[in-house]
Amino acid sequence: MPAGSMLLQARDRGDGDAGIGVGFTCSKKVGNAVARNRAKRRLREAARVVLGGLGRPGWDYVLVGRRDATALRPWDDLLDDLRRAVRRAHR
C-alpha cells in the first residue's frame, strides 16, 4: 500500500500466533547510509506508535522507506500515512 512517505506490505500469517511481526527496509535509492538509517529510525518509531493500536495480532508488516519522503516528511504526516496504509491493508 503506497502511502506517500512509505510503502506498507501486510499479510495475515494464519498460524495462530498472536504476535505482530514488523520489518523495515530502505534501499540505496533512499540515499547514503546516514539517510537510510534516519529513515529506518523514523519508520521504527512510527510503527511503535501506530501498530500498537491498529496492528492486528497474527499479522506481519513490512515498512519500506521511500527516497526523500520518509526522512523529510513532517512527523505527524508520516504517522497519518502509516495509519491510512494500515487501515487500507485491513479492508
N, C-alpha and C. Protein backbone atom coordinates (compact mmCIF):
# COMPACT_ATOMS: atom_id res chain seq x y z
N MET A 1 0.83 -1.17 0.00
CA MET A 1 0.00 0.00 0.00
C MET A 1 0.88 1.25 0.00
N PRO A 2 1.07 1.92 -1.12
CA PRO A 2 1.85 3.15 -1.10
C PRO A 2 1.13 4.21 -0.28
N ALA A 3 1.87 4.91 0.53
CA ALA A 3 1.26 5.91 1.40
C ALA A 3 2.01 7.23 1.34
N GLY A 4 2.58 7.57 0.22
CA GLY A 4 3.30 8.83 0.09
C GLY A 4 4.71 8.76 0.64
N SER A 5 4.84 8.57 1.93
CA SER A 5 6.17 8.60 2.54
C SER A 5 6.76 7.20 2.77
N MET A 6 5.97 6.17 2.47
CA MET A 6 6.46 4.80 2.67
C MET A 6 5.58 3.84 1.88
N LEU A 7 6.04 2.62 1.80
CA LEU A 7 5.24 1.54 1.23
C LEU A 7 5.01 0.54 2.36
N LEU A 8 3.78 0.08 2.51
CA LEU A 8 3.46 -0.90 3.55
C LEU A 8 3.03 -2.20 2.89
N GLN A 9 3.66 -3.28 3.29
CA GLN A 9 3.24 -4.61 2.88
C GLN A 9 2.74 -5.31 4.13
N ALA A 10 1.55 -5.90 4.04
CA ALA A 10 0.96 -6.54 5.22
C ALA A 10 0.30 -7.84 4.80
N ARG A 11 0.35 -8.83 5.71
CA ARG A 11 -0.34 -10.10 5.44
C ARG A 11 -0.68 -10.78 6.75
N ASP A 12 -1.75 -11.53 6.69
CA ASP A 12 -2.18 -12.34 7.83
C ASP A 12 -1.42 -13.66 7.75
N ARG A 13 -0.66 -13.99 8.78
CA ARG A 13 0.13 -15.22 8.76
C ARG A 13 -0.76 -16.46 8.82
N GLY A 14 -1.85 -16.38 9.56
CA GLY A 14 -2.75 -17.51 9.68
C GLY A 14 -2.17 -18.70 10.42
N ASP A 15 -1.20 -18.45 11.31
CA ASP A 15 -0.55 -19.54 12.02
C ASP A 15 -1.00 -19.67 13.47
N GLY A 16 -1.92 -18.82 13.90
CA GLY A 16 -2.42 -18.89 15.26
C GLY A 16 -1.57 -18.14 16.27
N ASP A 17 -0.40 -17.67 15.88
CA ASP A 17 0.46 -16.90 16.78
C ASP A 17 -0.12 -15.49 16.88
N ALA A 18 -0.26 -14.97 18.09
CA ALA A 18 -0.89 -13.67 18.29
C ALA A 18 0.09 -12.51 18.16
N GLY A 19 1.36 -12.78 17.91
CA GLY A 19 2.34 -11.71 17.81
C GLY A 19 2.19 -10.91 16.52
N ILE A 20 2.66 -9.68 16.56
CA ILE A 20 2.69 -8.82 15.37
C ILE A 20 4.13 -8.75 14.91
N GLY A 21 4.36 -9.12 13.66
CA GLY A 21 5.70 -9.06 13.09
C GLY A 21 5.89 -7.75 12.33
N VAL A 22 7.05 -7.13 12.51
CA VAL A 22 7.33 -5.86 11.85
C VAL A 22 8.74 -5.90 11.29
N GLY A 23 8.89 -5.46 10.04
CA GLY A 23 10.20 -5.37 9.41
C GLY A 23 10.34 -4.03 8.73
N PHE A 24 11.58 -3.62 8.50
CA PHE A 24 11.87 -2.32 7.90
C PHE A 24 12.95 -2.48 6.86
N THR A 25 12.84 -1.72 5.77
CA THR A 25 13.89 -1.75 4.77
C THR A 25 13.95 -0.42 4.05
N CYS A 26 15.15 -0.05 3.68
CA CYS A 26 15.39 1.14 2.87
C CYS A 26 16.52 0.79 1.91
N SER A 27 16.25 0.87 0.63
CA SER A 27 17.28 0.54 -0.36
C SER A 27 18.23 1.72 -0.54
N LYS A 28 19.25 1.50 -1.34
CA LYS A 28 20.21 2.57 -1.60
C LYS A 28 19.59 3.73 -2.36
N LYS A 29 18.42 3.50 -2.94
CA LYS A 29 17.71 4.59 -3.62
C LYS A 29 17.30 5.68 -2.64
N VAL A 30 17.15 5.32 -1.36
CA VAL A 30 16.76 6.29 -0.33
C VAL A 30 17.90 7.28 -0.09
N GLY A 31 19.13 6.85 -0.29
CA GLY A 31 20.27 7.74 -0.10
C GLY A 31 21.44 7.00 0.51
N ASN A 32 22.38 7.76 1.05
CA ASN A 32 23.55 7.15 1.66
C ASN A 32 23.17 6.49 2.98
N ALA A 33 24.14 5.90 3.66
CA ALA A 33 23.86 5.15 4.88
C ALA A 33 23.22 6.02 5.95
N VAL A 34 23.63 7.26 6.05
CA VAL A 34 23.06 8.16 7.05
C VAL A 34 21.58 8.39 6.76
N ALA A 35 21.23 8.64 5.51
CA ALA A 35 19.82 8.87 5.14
C ALA A 35 18.99 7.61 5.33
N ARG A 36 19.54 6.45 4.97
CA ARG A 36 18.80 5.19 5.15
C ARG A 36 18.55 4.90 6.61
N ASN A 37 19.56 5.11 7.45
CA ASN A 37 19.40 4.85 8.88
C ASN A 37 18.41 5.82 9.51
N ARG A 38 18.43 7.07 9.10
CA ARG A 38 17.46 8.04 9.63
C ARG A 38 16.04 7.63 9.23
N ALA A 39 15.87 7.23 7.98
CA ALA A 39 14.55 6.80 7.51
C ALA A 39 14.08 5.58 8.29
N LYS A 40 14.97 4.61 8.51
CA LYS A 40 14.58 3.41 9.26
C LYS A 40 14.26 3.72 10.72
N ARG A 41 15.00 4.63 11.33
CA ARG A 41 14.70 5.03 12.72
C ARG A 41 13.31 5.65 12.81
N ARG A 42 12.98 6.49 11.83
CA ARG A 42 11.66 7.13 11.82
C ARG A 42 10.57 6.08 11.59
N LEU A 43 10.81 5.12 10.70
CA LEU A 43 9.82 4.07 10.46
C LEU A 43 9.63 3.20 11.70
N ARG A 44 10.72 2.88 12.39
CA ARG A 44 10.61 2.07 13.62
C ARG A 44 9.75 2.77 14.66
N GLU A 45 9.99 4.05 14.87
CA GLU A 45 9.22 4.79 15.88
C GLU A 45 7.77 4.94 15.44
N ALA A 46 7.54 5.19 14.16
CA ALA A 46 6.16 5.31 13.66
C ALA A 46 5.43 3.98 13.85
N ALA A 47 6.09 2.87 13.57
CA ALA A 47 5.46 1.56 13.75
C ALA A 47 5.15 1.32 15.22
N ARG A 48 6.04 1.71 16.12
CA ARG A 48 5.80 1.54 17.55
C ARG A 48 4.55 2.31 17.98
N VAL A 49 4.41 3.53 17.48
CA VAL A 49 3.29 4.39 17.85
C VAL A 49 1.98 3.89 17.24
N VAL A 50 1.98 3.55 15.96
CA VAL A 50 0.75 3.25 15.23
C VAL A 50 0.32 1.80 15.36
N LEU A 51 1.25 0.86 15.19
CA LEU A 51 0.86 -0.55 15.17
C LEU A 51 0.45 -1.06 16.55
N GLY A 52 0.85 -0.38 17.59
CA GLY A 52 0.40 -0.77 18.93
C GLY A 52 -1.12 -0.69 19.05
N GLY A 53 -1.72 0.24 18.33
CA GLY A 53 -3.16 0.41 18.39
C GLY A 53 -3.92 -0.15 17.20
N LEU A 54 -3.31 -0.09 16.02
CA LEU A 54 -4.01 -0.51 14.80
C LEU A 54 -3.55 -1.88 14.26
N GLY A 55 -2.39 -2.34 14.70
CA GLY A 55 -1.89 -3.63 14.21
C GLY A 55 -2.76 -4.77 14.70
N ARG A 56 -2.91 -5.78 13.88
CA ARG A 56 -3.73 -6.94 14.24
C ARG A 56 -2.84 -8.11 14.64
N PRO A 57 -3.22 -8.81 15.71
CA PRO A 57 -2.46 -10.00 16.11
C PRO A 57 -2.43 -11.02 14.97
N GLY A 58 -1.28 -11.63 14.78
CA GLY A 58 -1.14 -12.64 13.73
C GLY A 58 -0.80 -12.07 12.36
N TRP A 59 -0.53 -10.78 12.28
CA TRP A 59 -0.19 -10.14 11.01
C TRP A 59 1.29 -9.77 10.99
N ASP A 60 1.86 -9.75 9.79
CA ASP A 60 3.22 -9.25 9.56
C ASP A 60 3.13 -7.97 8.76
N TYR A 61 3.97 -7.00 9.09
CA TYR A 61 4.02 -5.72 8.40
C TYR A 61 5.46 -5.44 8.00
N VAL A 62 5.65 -4.96 6.78
CA VAL A 62 6.97 -4.52 6.32
C VAL A 62 6.81 -3.08 5.85
N LEU A 63 7.61 -2.19 6.41
CA LEU A 63 7.59 -0.79 6.01
C LEU A 63 8.82 -0.52 5.16
N VAL A 64 8.59 0.00 3.98
CA VAL A 64 9.66 0.27 3.02
C VAL A 64 9.81 1.78 2.88
N GLY A 65 11.00 2.28 3.18
CA GLY A 65 11.26 3.71 3.07
C GLY A 65 11.35 4.15 1.63
N ARG A 66 10.96 5.39 1.38
CA ARG A 66 11.00 5.96 0.04
C ARG A 66 11.93 7.16 0.02
N ARG A 67 12.54 7.38 -1.14
CA ARG A 67 13.52 8.45 -1.29
C ARG A 67 12.95 9.79 -0.85
N ASP A 68 13.70 10.50 -0.07
CA ASP A 68 13.38 11.83 0.46
C ASP A 68 12.12 11.85 1.32
N ALA A 69 11.06 11.21 0.87
CA ALA A 69 9.77 11.32 1.54
C ALA A 69 9.81 10.81 2.98
N THR A 70 10.44 9.67 3.22
CA THR A 70 10.43 9.08 4.57
C THR A 70 11.22 9.93 5.55
N ALA A 71 12.38 10.39 5.16
CA ALA A 71 13.24 11.13 6.06
C ALA A 71 12.79 12.58 6.23
N LEU A 72 12.13 13.15 5.22
CA LEU A 72 11.83 14.58 5.26
C LEU A 72 10.37 14.90 5.58
N ARG A 73 9.51 13.91 5.55
CA ARG A 73 8.07 14.14 5.78
C ARG A 73 7.86 14.61 7.22
N PRO A 74 7.03 15.63 7.44
CA PRO A 74 6.74 16.03 8.83
C PRO A 74 6.20 14.84 9.63
N TRP A 75 6.58 14.79 10.91
CA TRP A 75 6.29 13.62 11.75
C TRP A 75 4.81 13.26 11.79
N ASP A 76 3.94 14.24 12.01
CA ASP A 76 2.51 13.96 12.09
C ASP A 76 1.97 13.42 10.78
N ASP A 77 2.50 13.92 9.66
CA ASP A 77 2.07 13.43 8.35
C ASP A 77 2.54 12.00 8.12
N LEU A 78 3.75 11.69 8.59
CA LEU A 78 4.27 10.32 8.48
C LEU A 78 3.38 9.35 9.26
N LEU A 79 2.99 9.73 10.46
CA LEU A 79 2.10 8.88 11.26
C LEU A 79 0.74 8.71 10.58
N ASP A 80 0.21 9.79 10.03
CA ASP A 80 -1.07 9.71 9.31
C ASP A 80 -0.97 8.80 8.10
N ASP A 81 0.16 8.87 7.38
CA ASP A 81 0.38 8.00 6.22
C ASP A 81 0.34 6.53 6.64
N LEU A 82 1.01 6.21 7.74
CA LEU A 82 1.05 4.83 8.20
C LEU A 82 -0.33 4.38 8.68
N ARG A 83 -1.03 5.22 9.41
CA ARG A 83 -2.38 4.86 9.85
C ARG A 83 -3.29 4.56 8.66
N ARG A 84 -3.23 5.42 7.66
CA ARG A 84 -4.05 5.25 6.45
C ARG A 84 -3.69 3.95 5.74
N ALA A 85 -2.39 3.65 5.64
CA ALA A 85 -1.94 2.44 4.96
C ALA A 85 -2.39 1.19 5.71
N VAL A 86 -2.30 1.21 7.03
CA VAL A 86 -2.71 0.04 7.83
C VAL A 86 -4.22 -0.19 7.68
N ARG A 87 -4.99 0.87 7.73
CA ARG A 87 -6.44 0.73 7.58
C ARG A 87 -6.78 0.15 6.20
N ARG A 88 -6.09 0.61 5.17
CA ARG A 88 -6.31 0.08 3.82
C ARG A 88 -5.94 -1.39 3.73
N ALA A 89 -4.86 -1.77 4.39
CA ALA A 89 -4.42 -3.16 4.34
C ALA A 89 -5.42 -4.08 5.01
N HIS A 90 -6.16 -3.58 5.99
CA HIS A 90 -7.10 -4.41 6.74
C HIS A 90 -8.50 -4.43 6.12
N ARG A 91 -8.71 -3.69 5.06
CA ARG A 91 -10.03 -3.73 4.41
C ARG A 91 -10.26 -5.04 3.73
